C-alpha atoms as a PDB file:
ATOM      1  CA  MET A   1      -0.121  -0.199   0.124  1.00  0.00           C
ATOM      2  CA  LYS A   2       3.148   2.462   0.941  1.00  0.00           C
ATOM      3  CA  ASN A   3       4.428   1.733  -2.948  1.00  0.00           C
ATOM      4  CA  GLN A   4       1.061   2.430  -4.506  1.00  0.00           C
ATOM      5  CA  LYS A   5       0.399   5.903  -2.451  1.00  0.00           C
ATOM      6  CA  ASP A   6       4.344   6.783  -3.264  1.00  0.00           C
ATOM      7  CA  PHE A   7       4.279   5.997  -6.666  1.00  0.00           C
ATOM      8  CA  ILE A   8       0.869   7.690  -7.101  1.00  0.00           C
ATOM      9  CA  ARG A   9       2.435  10.941  -5.064  1.00  0.00           C
ATOM     10  CA  GLN A  10       4.815  10.951  -7.186  1.00  0.00           C
ATOM     11  CA  TYR A  11       3.233  10.429 -10.705  1.00  0.00           C
ATOM     12  CA  ARG A  12       1.113  13.334  -9.973  1.00  0.00           C
ATOM     13  CA  LYS A  13       3.730  15.836  -9.585  1.00  0.00           C
ATOM     14  CA  ALA A  14       5.921  14.296 -12.252  1.00  0.00           C
ATOM     15  CA  ASP A  15       6.468  16.341 -15.614  1.00  0.00           C
ATOM     16  CA  PHE A  16       7.701  14.216 -17.879  1.00  0.00           C
ATOM     17  CA  PRO A  17       6.743  14.056 -22.243  1.00  0.00           C
ATOM     18  CA  PHE A  18       3.752  11.448 -23.801  1.00  0.00           C
ATOM     19  CA  LYS A  19       2.586  11.226 -19.667  1.00  0.00           C
ATOM     20  CA  GLU A  20      -0.908  11.357 -21.158  1.00  0.00           C
ATOM     21  CA  ILE A  21      -0.361   7.599 -23.025  1.00  0.00           C
ATOM     22  CA  ILE A  22       0.056   6.169 -19.746  1.00  0.00           C
ATOM     23  CA  ALA A  23      -2.448   8.002 -17.882  1.00  0.00           C
ATOM     24  CA  CYS A  24      -5.305   6.376 -20.604  1.00  0.00           C
ATOM     25  CA  ASN A  25      -3.942   2.922 -20.495  1.00  0.00           C
ATOM     26  CA  LYS A  26      -4.489   0.188 -17.197  1.00  0.00           C
ATOM     27  CA  GLU A  27      -1.853  -1.725 -18.000  1.00  0.00           C
ATOM     28  CA  LEU A  28       1.033   0.943 -19.033  1.00  0.00           C
ATOM     29  CA  ARG A  29      -0.023   2.075 -15.334  1.00  0.00           C
ATOM     30  CA  LYS A  30       0.331  -0.925 -13.901  1.00  0.00           C
ATOM     31  CA  ALA A  31       3.893  -1.517 -16.043  1.00  0.00           C
ATOM     32  CA  LEU A  32       5.581   1.866 -14.944  1.00  0.00           C
ATOM     33  CA  PHE A  33       4.358   0.948 -11.075  1.00  0.00           C
ATOM     34  CA  LYS A  34       5.786  -2.449 -11.598  1.00  0.00           C
ATOM     35  CA  GLU A  35       9.044  -0.632 -13.045  1.00  0.00           C
ATOM     36  CA  PHE A  36       8.898   2.002  -9.883  1.00  0.00           C
ATOM     37  CA  THR A  37       9.510  -0.839  -7.394  1.00  0.00           C
ATOM     38  CA  GLN A  38      12.364  -1.937  -8.954  1.00  0.00           C
ATOM     39  CA  THR A  39      14.422   1.048  -8.868  1.00  0.00           C
ATOM     40  CA  LYS A  40      16.743   2.229  -6.237  1.00  0.00           C
ATOM     41  CA  GLN A  41      15.072   3.999  -2.802  1.00  0.00           C
ATOM     42  CA  LYS A  42      16.011   7.506  -1.682  1.00  0.00           C
ATOM     43  CA  HIS A  43      15.501   9.775   0.771  1.00  0.00           C
ATOM     44  CA  CYS A  44      11.944  11.546   0.365  1.00  0.00           C
ATOM     45  CA  PHE A  45      11.321  14.834   1.639  1.00  0.00           C
ATOM     46  CA  ASP A  46       7.374  14.353   0.532  1.00  0.00           C
ATOM     47  CA  LEU A  47       7.096  11.858   3.139  1.00  0.00           C
ATOM     48  CA  TYR A  48       9.293  13.690   6.210  1.00  0.00           C
ATOM     49  CA  LEU A  49       6.622  16.503   5.507  1.00  0.00           C
ATOM     50  CA  LEU A  50       3.612  14.674   5.413  1.00  0.00           C
ATOM     51  CA  ASP A  51       4.133  14.220   9.144  1.00  0.00           C
ATOM     52  CA  HIS A  52       3.183  17.509   9.766  1.00  0.00           C
ATOM     53  CA  TYR A  53       0.812  18.824   6.616  1.00  0.00           C
ATOM     54  CA  THR A  54      -1.737  16.326   4.753  1.00  0.00           C
ATOM     55  CA  ASP A  55      -1.121  16.959   0.806  1.00  0.00           C
ATOM     56  CA  ARG A  56      -4.372  19.152   0.677  1.00  0.00           C
ATOM     57  CA  GLN A  57      -3.124  20.812   4.083  1.00  0.00           C
ATOM     58  CA  TRP A  58      -0.347  22.108   2.071  1.00  0.00           C
ATOM     59  CA  ASN A  59      -2.034  22.893  -1.147  1.00  0.00           C
ATOM     60  CA  ASP A  60      -4.483  25.082   1.005  1.00  0.00           C
ATOM     61  CA  ARG A  61      -1.755  26.994   2.528  1.00  0.00           C
ATOM     62  CA  LEU A  62      -0.517  27.535  -0.980  1.00  0.00           C
ATOM     63  CA  ILE A  63      -3.527  28.340  -2.646  1.00  0.00           C
ATOM     64  CA  GLU A  64      -4.280  30.545   0.757  1.00  0.00           C
ATOM     65  CA  ALA A  65      -0.448  32.541   0.534  1.00  0.00           C
ATOM     66  CA  ALA A  66      -1.168  32.892  -3.056  1.00  0.00           C
ATOM     67  CA  ARG A  67      -4.333  34.775  -2.847  1.00  0.00           C
ATOM     68  CA  LYS A  68      -2.240  37.116   0.069  1.00  0.00           C
ATOM     69  CA  ILE A  69       0.436  37.921  -1.995  1.00  0.00           C
ATOM     70  CA  PRO A  70      -0.278  42.052  -2.595  1.00  0.00           C
ATOM     71  CA  THR A  71      -0.768  43.764  -5.692  1.00  0.00           C
ATOM     72  CA  SER A  72      -0.276  47.086  -6.998  1.00  0.00           C
ATOM     73  CA  VAL A  73      -1.437  48.960 -10.447  1.00  0.00           C
ATOM     74  CA  SER A  74       0.906  49.336 -12.749  1.00  0.00           C
ATOM     75  CA  ASN A  75       1.060  53.001 -14.182  1.00  0.00           C
ATOM     76  CA  ASN A  76       0.859  52.010 -17.609  1.00  0.00           C
ATOM     77  CA  SER A  77      -1.833  50.175 -17.591  1.00  0.00           C
ATOM     78  CA  ASN A  78      -4.856  48.827 -15.183  1.00  0.00           C
ATOM     79  CA  ILE A  79      -3.266  45.299 -14.987  1.00  0.00           C
ATOM     80  CA  PRO A  80      -3.016  44.525 -11.185  1.00  0.00           C
ATOM     81  CA  VAL A  81       0.937  42.976 -11.068  1.00  0.00           C
ATOM     82  CA  ALA A  82       2.618  41.817  -7.626  1.00  0.00           C
ATOM     83  CA  ALA A  83       4.390  44.296  -5.497  1.00  0.00           C
ATOM     84  CA  SER A  84       7.956  44.659  -5.548  1.00  0.00           C
ATOM     85  CA  TRP A  85       8.152  43.107  -1.347  1.00  0.00           C
ATOM     86  CA  VAL A  86       6.048  40.787   0.216  1.00  0.00           C
ATOM     87  CA  GLN A  87       6.162  39.254   3.048  1.00  0.00           C
ATOM     88  CA  THR A  88       6.936  35.613   3.921  1.00  0.00           C
ATOM     89  CA  PRO A  89       4.052  33.495   5.112  1.00  0.00           C
ATOM     90  CA  PRO A  90       4.719  31.822   8.379  1.00  0.00           C
ATOM     91  CA  PHE A  91       3.848  27.997   7.177  1.00  0.00           C
ATOM     92  CA  GLU A  92       7.162  28.501   4.711  1.00  0.00           C
ATOM     93  CA  PHE A  93       9.413  29.265   7.526  1.00  0.00           C
ATOM     94  CA  HIS A  94       8.108  25.893   9.049  1.00  0.00           C
ATOM     95  CA  PHE A  95       8.910  24.758   5.444  1.00  0.00           C
ATOM     96  CA  ASP A  96      12.731  26.256   5.851  1.00  0.00           C
ATOM     97  CA  LEU A  97      12.845  24.690   8.944  1.00  0.00           C
ATOM     98  CA  LEU A  98      11.648  20.998   7.988  1.00  0.00           C
ATOM     99  CA  ARG A  99      14.204  20.997   4.642  1.00  0.00           C
ATOM    100  CA  ASN A 100      17.152  21.660   6.972  1.00  0.00           C
ATOM    101  CA  GLU A 101      15.865  19.166   9.907  1.00  0.00           C
ATOM    102  CA  PHE A 102      15.385  16.601   6.922  1.00  0.00           C
ATOM    103  CA  GLY A 103      18.921  17.209   5.368  1.00  0.00           C
ATOM    104  CA  VAL A 104      21.234  16.953   8.729  1.00  0.00           C
ATOM    105  CA  SER A 105      18.761  13.764   9.570  1.00  0.00           C
ATOM    106  CA  LYS A 106      19.551  11.833   6.124  1.00  0.00           C
ATOM    107  CA  LYS A 107      22.071   9.455   8.038  1.00  0.00           C
ATOM    108  CA  THR A 108      19.813   8.515  10.467  1.00  0.00           C
ATOM    109  CA  LEU A 109      16.398   8.651   8.826  1.00  0.00           C
ATOM    110  CA  ASP A 110      13.402   6.110   9.298  1.00  0.00           C
ATOM    111  CA  ALA A 111      12.652   3.420   6.400  1.00  0.00           C
ATOM    112  CA  LYS A 112       9.423   5.101   6.108  1.00  0.00           C
ATOM    113  CA  TYR A 113      11.361   7.905   4.565  1.00  0.00           C
ATOM    114  CA  TYR A 114      12.384   5.908   1.896  1.00  0.00           C
ATOM    115  CA  CYS A 115      10.721   5.233  -1.490  1.00  0.00           C
ATOM    116  CA  PHE A 116      11.332   4.222  -4.938  1.00  0.00           C
ATOM    117  CA  ASP A 117      12.093   6.831  -7.445  1.00  0.00           C
ATOM    118  CA  LEU A 118       9.252   7.433 -10.606  1.00  0.00           C
ATOM    119  CA  GLU A 119      12.282   9.840 -11.992  1.00  0.00           C
ATOM    120  CA  ALA A 120      15.091   6.854 -12.158  1.00  0.00           C
ATOM    121  CA  THR A 121      12.666   4.480 -14.106  1.00  0.00           C
ATOM    122  CA  ASN A 122      13.665   3.305 -17.582  1.00  0.00           C
ATOM    123  CA  THR A 123      10.189   4.237 -19.118  1.00  0.00           C
ATOM    124  CA  VAL A 124      10.403   8.094 -17.746  1.00  0.00           C
ATOM    125  CA  LYS A 125      13.776   8.742 -18.354  1.00  0.00           C
ATOM    126  CA  THR A 126      13.506   7.273 -22.230  1.00  0.00           C
ATOM    127  CA  LEU A 127      10.769   9.644 -22.953  1.00  0.00           C
ATOM    128  CA  GLN A 128      12.565  12.543 -21.525  1.00  0.00           C
ATOM    129  CA  GLU A 129      15.211  12.151 -23.661  1.00  0.00           C
ATOM    130  CA  ILE A 130      12.639  11.478 -26.541  1.00  0.00           C
ATOM    131  CA  GLY A 131      11.231  15.246 -25.748  1.00  0.00           C
ATOM    132  CA  LYS A 132      14.586  16.804 -25.439  1.00  0.00           C
ATOM    133  CA  VAL A 133      15.309  15.580 -29.020  1.00  0.00           C
ATOM    134  CA  ILE A 134      11.647  16.792 -29.897  1.00  0.00           C
ATOM    135  CA  GLU A 135      12.098  20.083 -28.207  1.00  0.00           C
ATOM    136  CA  LEU A 136      15.607  20.767 -30.062  1.00  0.00           C
ATOM    137  CA  PHE A 137      14.663  19.629 -33.485  1.00  0.00           C
ATOM    138  CA  LYS A 138      10.949  22.104 -33.390  1.00  0.00           C
ATOM    139  CA  LYS A 139      14.267  25.253 -32.594  1.00  0.00           C
ATOM    140  CA  VAL A 140      16.009  23.751 -35.359  1.00  0.00           C
ATOM    141  CA  LEU A 141      14.950  26.622 -38.190  1.00  0.00           C
ATOM    142  CA  ILE A 142      15.104  29.649 -35.239  1.00  0.00           C
ATOM    143  CA  THR A 143      19.220  28.408 -33.945  1.00  0.00           C
ATOM    144  CA  HIS A 144      20.094  27.465 -37.329  1.00  0.00           C
ATOM    145  CA  ASP A 145      20.288  28.790 -40.950  1.00  0.00           C
ATOM    146  CA  ASN A 146      20.414  26.915 -43.968  1.00  0.00           C
ATOM    147  CA  ILE A 147      20.066  23.502 -42.811  1.00  0.00           C
ATOM    148  CA  ASP A 148      19.415  20.720 -45.078  1.00  0.00           C
ATOM    149  CA  PHE A 149      15.750  19.674 -45.096  1.00  0.00           C
ATOM    150  CA  ASP A 150      16.542  15.742 -45.764  1.00  0.00           C
ATOM    151  CA  THR A 151      19.887  15.141 -43.135  1.00  0.00           C
ATOM    152  CA  GLU A 152      18.383  16.664 -40.445  1.00  0.00           C
ATOM    153  CA  ALA A 153      15.110  15.020 -40.614  1.00  0.00           C
ATOM    154  CA  LYS A 154      16.674  11.994 -41.428  1.00  0.00           C
ATOM    155  CA  ASN A 155      19.101  12.522 -38.615  1.00  0.00           C
ATOM    156  CA  VAL A 156      16.469  13.274 -35.872  1.00  0.00           C
ATOM    157  CA  SER A 157      14.248  10.966 -36.723  1.00  0.00           C
ATOM    158  CA  LYS A 158      17.242   7.835 -36.310  1.00  0.00           C
ATOM    159  CA  THR A 159      17.623   8.993 -32.819  1.00  0.00           C
ATOM    160  CA  ILE A 160      14.175   8.576 -31.561  1.00  0.00           C
ATOM    161  CA  LEU A 161      13.604   5.311 -33.469  1.00  0.00           C
ATOM    162  CA  ARG A 162      16.676   4.143 -31.472  1.00  0.00           C
ATOM    163  CA  LEU A 163      15.516   5.427 -28.587  1.00  0.00           C
ATOM    164  CA  MET A 164      11.791   4.521 -28.750  1.00  0.00           C
ATOM    165  CA  GLU A 165      14.244   0.812 -28.950  1.00  0.00           C
ATOM    166  CA  GLY A 166      14.736   1.142 -24.856  1.00  0.00           C
ATOM    167  CA  LEU A 167      11.106   1.549 -24.743  1.00  0.00           C
ATOM    168  CA  GLU A 168      10.005  -2.277 -23.364  1.00  0.00           C
ATOM    169  CA  ASP A 169       6.196  -1.993 -23.961  1.00  0.00           C
ATOM    170  CA  GLN A 170       5.088  -2.035 -27.199  1.00  0.00           C
ATOM    171  CA  LYS A 171       1.844  -0.578 -26.779  1.00  0.00           C
ATOM    172  CA  LEU A 172       3.960   2.772 -25.878  1.00  0.00           C
ATOM    173  CA  LYS A 173       5.832   2.871 -28.520  1.00  0.00           C
ATOM    174  CA  ASP A 174       3.165   2.704 -30.485  1.00  0.00           C
ATOM    175  CA  GLY A 175       1.893   5.869 -28.599  1.00  0.00           C
ATOM    176  CA  VAL A 176       4.588   7.473 -28.738  1.00  0.00           C
ATOM    177  CA  PHE A 177       5.010   6.866 -32.776  1.00  0.00           C
ATOM    178  CA  THR A 178       1.459   8.299 -33.243  1.00  0.00           C
ATOM    179  CA  ALA A 179       2.153  11.308 -30.925  1.00  0.00           C
ATOM    180  CA  LEU A 180       5.002  12.152 -33.065  1.00  0.00           C
ATOM    181  CA  LEU A 181       2.852  11.891 -36.434  1.00  0.00           C
ATOM    182  CA  ASN A 182      -0.041  13.727 -35.424  1.00  0.00           C
ATOM    183  CA  ASP A 183       1.899  16.507 -33.570  1.00  0.00           C
ATOM    184  CA  LYS A 184       1.925  19.260 -36.305  1.00  0.00           C
ATOM    185  CA  GLU A 185       2.203  22.396 -34.065  1.00  0.00           C
ATOM    186  CA  ASN A 186       5.108  24.383 -33.391  1.00  0.00           C
ATOM    187  CA  ALA A 187       5.030  27.081 -30.449  1.00  0.00           C
ATOM    188  CA  ASP A 188       8.717  27.811 -30.572  1.00  0.00           C
ATOM    189  CA  ILE A 189       8.175  29.090 -34.166  1.00  0.00           C
ATOM    190  CA  VAL A 190       4.934  31.295 -33.689  1.00  0.00           C
ATOM    191  CA  LEU A 191       6.270  32.903 -30.047  1.00  0.00           C
ATOM    192  CA  GLU A 192       9.434  33.601 -32.076  1.00  0.00           C
ATOM    193  CA  HIS A 193       7.311  35.344 -34.957  1.00  0.00           C
ATOM    194  CA  PHE A 194       5.324  36.949 -32.437  1.00  0.00           C
ATOM    195  CA  PHE A 195       7.786  38.805 -30.261  1.00  0.00           C
ATOM    196  CA  ASP A 196      10.268  39.445 -33.505  1.00  0.00           C
ATOM    197  CA  ARG A 197       7.815  40.613 -36.430  1.00  0.00           C
ATOM    198  CA  ASN A 198      11.132  41.426 -38.010  1.00  0.00           C
ATOM    199  CA  LYS A 199      11.991  37.316 -38.427  1.00  0.00           C
ATOM    200  CA  GLU A 200      12.313  36.092 -41.733  1.00  0.00           C
ATOM    201  CA  SER A 201       8.786  35.164 -42.713  1.00  0.00           C
ATOM    202  CA  GLY A 202       7.568  31.595 -43.565  1.00  0.00           C
ATOM    203  CA  LEU A 203       9.409  29.735 -40.932  1.00  0.00           C
ATOM    204  CA  GLU A 204       5.681  27.912 -40.350  1.00  0.00           C
ATOM    205  CA  ASP A 205       5.695  26.620 -43.863  1.00  0.00           C
ATOM    206  CA  LYS A 206       9.299  25.590 -43.884  1.00  0.00           C
ATOM    207  CA  TYR A 207       8.583  23.920 -40.447  1.00  0.00           C
ATOM    208  CA  SER A 208       5.740  22.198 -42.329  1.00  0.00           C
ATOM    209  CA  ARG A 209       8.374  20.704 -44.810  1.00  0.00           C
ATOM    210  CA  LEU A 210      10.556  19.716 -42.252  1.00  0.00           C
ATOM    211  CA  LYS A 211       8.180  17.670 -40.697  1.00  0.00           C
ATOM    212  CA  MET A 212       6.820  16.301 -43.628  1.00  0.00           C
ATOM    213  CA  TYR A 213      10.489  14.827 -44.000  1.00  0.00           C
ATOM    214  CA  PHE A 214      10.797  13.642 -40.280  1.00  0.00           C
ATOM    215  CA  ASP A 215       7.323  11.895 -40.685  1.00  0.00           C
ATOM    216  CA  ASN A 216       8.447   9.771 -43.358  1.00  0.00           C
ATOM    217  CA  TYR A 217      11.414   9.135 -42.409  1.00  0.00           C
ATOM    218  CA  LEU A 218      10.074   8.286 -38.958  1.00  0.00           C
ATOM    219  CA  LYS A 219       7.441   5.822 -41.187  1.00  0.00           C
ATOM    220  CA  GLU A 220      10.057   3.956 -42.680  1.00  0.00           C
ATOM    221  CA  GLY A 221      12.409   3.547 -39.816  1.00  0.00           C
ATOM    222  CA  ASN A 222       9.167   2.077 -38.081  1.00  0.00           C
ATOM    223  CA  VAL A 223       8.138  -0.048 -40.612  1.00  0.00           C
ATOM    224  CA  LYS A 224      11.641  -2.102 -40.673  1.00  0.00           C
ATOM    225  CA  ALA A 225      11.716  -1.965 -36.855  1.00  0.00           C
ATOM    226  CA  LEU A 226       8.391  -3.774 -36.535  1.00  0.00           C
ATOM    227  CA  PRO A 227       8.387  -7.518 -35.219  1.00  0.00           C
ATOM    228  CA  ALA A 228       8.243 -10.344 -38.132  1.00  0.00           C
ATOM    229  CA  GLN A 229       5.122 -11.197 -37.299  1.00  0.00           C
ATOM    230  CA  GLN A 230       3.787  -7.690 -37.802  1.00  0.00           C
ATOM    231  CA  THR A 231       5.613  -7.132 -41.029  1.00  0.00           C
ATOM    232  CA  GLU A 232       4.424 -10.098 -42.852  1.00  0.00           C
ATOM    233  CA  THR A 233       1.304  -9.034 -43.258  1.00  0.00           C
ATOM    234  CA  LYS A 234       2.269  -5.499 -44.556  1.00  0.00           C
ATOM    235  CA  LYS A 235       2.201  -5.086 -48.255  1.00  0.00           C
ATOM    236  CA  GLU A 236       5.404  -4.136 -50.100  1.00  0.00           C
ATOM    237  CA  GLN A 237       6.343  -0.611 -50.206  1.00  0.00           C
ATOM    238  CA  PRO A 238       6.672   1.116 -53.191  1.00  0.00           C
ATOM    239  CA  LYS A 239      10.185   2.482 -53.935  1.00  0.00           C
ATOM    240  CA  ALA A 240      11.172   6.220 -54.711  1.00  0.00           C
ATOM    241  CA  PRO A 241      11.587   5.610 -58.513  1.00  0.00           C
ATOM    242  CA  VAL A 242       7.804   4.264 -58.106  1.00  0.00           C
ATOM    243  CA  VAL A 243       6.799   6.993 -56.414  1.00  0.00           C
ATOM    244  CA  ALA A 244       8.035   9.320 -58.554  1.00  0.00           C
ATOM    245  CA  LEU A 245       6.331   8.209 -61.244  1.00  0.00           C
ATOM    246  CA  PHE A 246       3.344   8.374 -59.983  1.00  0.00           C
ATOM    247  CA  CYS A 247       3.694  12.305 -58.939  1.00  0.00           C
ATOM    248  CA  SER A 248       4.280  12.198 -62.531  1.00  0.00           C
ATOM    249  CA  LEU A 249       1.253  10.813 -63.788  1.00  0.00           C
ATOM    250  CA  VAL A 250      -0.821  12.886 -60.939  1.00  0.00           C
ATOM    251  CA  ASN A 251       0.382  15.660 -63.143  1.00  0.00           C
ATOM    252  CA  ASP A 252       0.295  14.400 -66.499  1.00  0.00           C
ATOM    253  CA  ALA A 253      -3.115  13.334 -65.619  1.00  0.00           C
ATOM    254  CA  GLU A 254      -4.065  16.187 -64.611  1.00  0.00           C
ATOM    255  CA  LEU A 255      -5.496  15.194 -61.173  1.00  0.00           C
ATOM    256  CA  ILE A 256      -2.761  17.667 -59.333  1.00  0.00           C
ATOM    257  CA  GLU A 257      -1.295  20.082 -61.586  1.00  0.00           C
ATOM    258  CA  LYS A 258       1.894  20.930 -61.358  1.00  0.00           C
ATOM    259  CA  ALA A 259       2.567  25.093 -61.640  1.00  0.00           C
ATOM    260  CA  GLU A 260       5.068  26.157 -64.482  1.00  0.00           C
ATOM    261  CA  SER A 261       6.923  27.901 -61.701  1.00  0.00           C
ATOM    262  CA  GLU A 262       6.897  25.125 -58.480  1.00  0.00           C
ATOM    263  CA  SER A 263       9.988  22.737 -57.973  1.00  0.00           C
ATOM    264  CA  VAL A 264      10.055  19.259 -58.237  1.00  0.00           C
ATOM    265  CA  GLU A 265      10.409  18.889 -54.439  1.00  0.00           C
ATOM    266  CA  SER A 266       7.452  21.019 -53.742  1.00  0.00           C
ATOM    267  CA  TYR A 267       5.240  19.239 -56.493  1.00  0.00           C
ATOM    268  CA  CYS A 268       6.129  15.791 -55.327  1.00  0.00           C
ATOM    269  CA  MET A 269       5.881  16.484 -51.717  1.00  0.00           C
ATOM    270  CA  ARG A 270       2.351  18.156 -52.159  1.00  0.00           C
ATOM    271  CA  VAL A 271       1.109  14.890 -53.902  1.00  0.00           C
ATOM    272  CA  CYS A 272       2.506  12.396 -51.225  1.00  0.00           C
ATOM    273  CA  ASN A 273       0.939  14.175 -48.593  1.00  0.00           C
ATOM    274  CA  HIS A 274      -2.498  14.268 -50.325  1.00  0.00           C
ATOM    275  CA  TYR A 275      -2.052  10.629 -51.444  1.00  0.00           C
ATOM    276  CA  LYS A 276      -0.342   9.718 -48.020  1.00  0.00           C
ATOM    277  CA  LEU A 277       2.605   8.108 -49.900  1.00  0.00           C
ATOM    278  CA  THR A 278       6.508   8.396 -48.418  1.00  0.00           C
ATOM    279  CA  TYR A 279       8.237  11.461 -49.436  1.00  0.00           C
ATOM    280  CA  THR A 280      12.260  11.765 -49.478  1.00  0.00           C
ATOM    281  CA  ASP A 281      14.534  12.793 -51.592  1.00  0.00           C
ATOM    282  CA  ARG A 282      15.143  10.303 -53.884  1.00  0.00           C
ATOM    283  CA  VAL A 283      11.883  10.962 -55.310  1.00  0.00           C
ATOM    284  CA  ARG A 284      12.847  14.355 -56.174  1.00  0.00           C
ATOM    285  CA  GLN A 285      15.770  12.933 -57.657  1.00  0.00           C
ATOM    286  CA  ASN A 286      14.303  10.154 -59.880  1.00  0.00           C
ATOM    287  CA  PHE A 287      11.204  12.436 -61.343  1.00  0.00           C
ATOM    288  CA  ASN A 288      13.097  12.710 -64.496  1.00  0.00           C
ATOM    289  CA  GLY A 289      13.362   9.146 -66.174  1.00  0.00           C
ATOM    290  CA  CYS A 290      11.145   7.440 -64.092  1.00  0.00           C
ATOM    291  CA  HIS A 291       8.945   5.592 -66.936  1.00  0.00           C
ATOM    292  CA  THR A 292      10.584   2.756 -67.165  1.00  0.00           C
ATOM    293  CA  LYS A 293       8.834  -0.555 -67.961  1.00  0.00           C
ATOM    294  CA  GLU A 294      10.207  -2.116 -64.447  1.00  0.00           C
ATOM    295  CA  ASN A 295       8.585   1.248 -62.522  1.00  0.00           C
ATOM    296  CA  LYS A 296       5.100   1.103 -64.705  1.00  0.00           C
ATOM    297  CA  LYS A 297       4.696  -2.731 -63.593  1.00  0.00           C
ATOM    298  CA  LYS A 298       5.639  -1.984 -59.950  1.00  0.00           C
ATOM    299  CA  LEU A 299       3.020   0.876 -60.374  1.00  0.00           C
ATOM    300  CA  ALA A 300       0.060  -1.305 -61.348  1.00  0.00           C
ATOM    301  CA  GLU A 301       1.187  -3.887 -58.822  1.00  0.00           C
ATOM    302  CA  LEU A 302       2.128  -1.672 -55.855  1.00  0.00           C
ATOM    303  CA  LEU A 303       0.079   1.429 -55.918  1.00  0.00           C
ATOM    304  CA  LEU A 304      -3.145   1.607 -58.282  1.00  0.00           C
ATOM    305  CA  PRO A 305      -5.204  -1.041 -56.731  1.00  0.00           C
ATOM    306  CA  PHE A 306      -5.127   0.722 -53.299  1.00  0.00           C
ATOM    307  CA  LEU A 307      -6.492   4.079 -54.837  1.00  0.00           C
ATOM    308  CA  GLU A 308      -9.601   5.428 -55.441  1.00  0.00           C
ATOM    309  CA  SER A 309     -10.973   4.110 -58.303  1.00  0.00           C
ATOM    310  CA  GLU A 310     -11.418   7.422 -59.849  1.00  0.00           C
ATOM    311  CA  VAL A 311      -7.289   7.888 -59.460  1.00  0.00           C
ATOM    312  CA  SER A 312      -6.383   4.353 -60.524  1.00  0.00           C
ATOM    313  CA  LYS A 313      -8.816   4.793 -63.663  1.00  0.00           C
ATOM    314  CA  ARG A 314      -7.651   8.185 -64.657  1.00  0.00           C
ATOM    315  CA  ILE A 315      -4.150   6.952 -64.655  1.00  0.00           C
ATOM    316  CA  THR A 316      -4.314   4.120 -66.097  1.00  0.00           C
ATOM    317  CA  ASP A 317      -6.486   5.529 -69.321  1.00  0.00           C
ATOM    318  CA  TYR A 318      -4.015   8.106 -69.008  1.00  0.00           C
ATOM    319  CA  LEU A 319      -1.131   5.181 -69.710  1.00  0.00           C
ATOM    320  CA  ASN A 320      -3.343   3.358 -72.338  1.00  0.00           C
ATOM    321  CA  ARG A 321      -3.657   6.226 -74.503  1.00  0.00           C
ATOM    322  CA  LYS A 322       0.299   7.117 -74.601  1.00  0.00           C
ATOM    323  CA  GLU A 323       1.129   3.256 -75.147  1.00  0.00           C
ATOM    324  CA  PRO A 324       1.780   2.882 -78.501  1.00  0.00           C
ATOM    325  CA  PRO A 325      -0.489   0.227 -80.263  1.00  0.00           C
ATOM    326  CA  LYS A 326       0.964  -3.106 -80.636  1.00  0.00           C
ATOM    327  CA  GLN A 327       2.565  -4.480 -84.266  1.00  0.00           C
ATOM    328  CA  ASN A 328       1.070  -7.449 -85.887  1.00  0.00           C
ATOM    329  CA  LEU A 329       4.051  -9.565 -86.962  1.00  0.00           C
ATOM    330  CA  TYR A 330       2.383 -11.943 -88.802  1.00  0.00           C
ATOM    331  CA  ALA A 331       0.113  -9.818 -90.918  1.00  0.00           C
END
């Protein structure tokens, strides 16, 4: 019972990425608790504090202290701000006293003041590492100039996938993977533009492109990392030359037209995003010269059967019109 209470108390206070995935899954919570009970025990000041205040009493005192903070009105606005000097509440003096007592008596503490350490679990440490990588990734367009989108996205996705291998539960891996793909927001870029209007515009569009590269590499790496029994049921994925051919035919069949001034990279990314295909820089590289017999065969096997019937029909009709008539050698 003590271990469960310690776990709940630490879990409520803990702040780590993807916490909501664990919160919504009973099996993941149980697995994290088991991992928690296998960590090295540490001195816990919260348990020492409980001898003097319940959690509710302590929270009530914090709320009451916040209400009593004196405020003044700024000369430039009617918004109240905290006064320049605030008297320390009595309970904070008591808190400091208890903290000092706890520090002095650590070596002679009773066993009841020891607890397992949630932040020492492999799961929490790994999720925190993933969070740090994503945090840096979201700031890279602000902190660095002239980055190569393809290289940056590829390197970051490899790092993320390597870290995800350290997570033992497949459900948690899947949850993190889905959360990363669904995370389209970048508050750092929004704030950067808000506070510095002179900053180069278009950062949001650049991040969208960078994120598309990242998502595609993440998907590719995740498929390769799946256990054999999961990959056996997955259909073969079209390679970059086949995707390049598809992009070219989408333009030729006038499904999504390429503007005259639009780059091949921009157009192929737009097509891949629309049809939920994986884009890499090799798609751009293969765009010219992709109309080979082998690529057309692979297109018919791996892509056309899985598209909407109208899209498949338009491309097939276009190819049939372009194919030269077969000669009758026995005429």
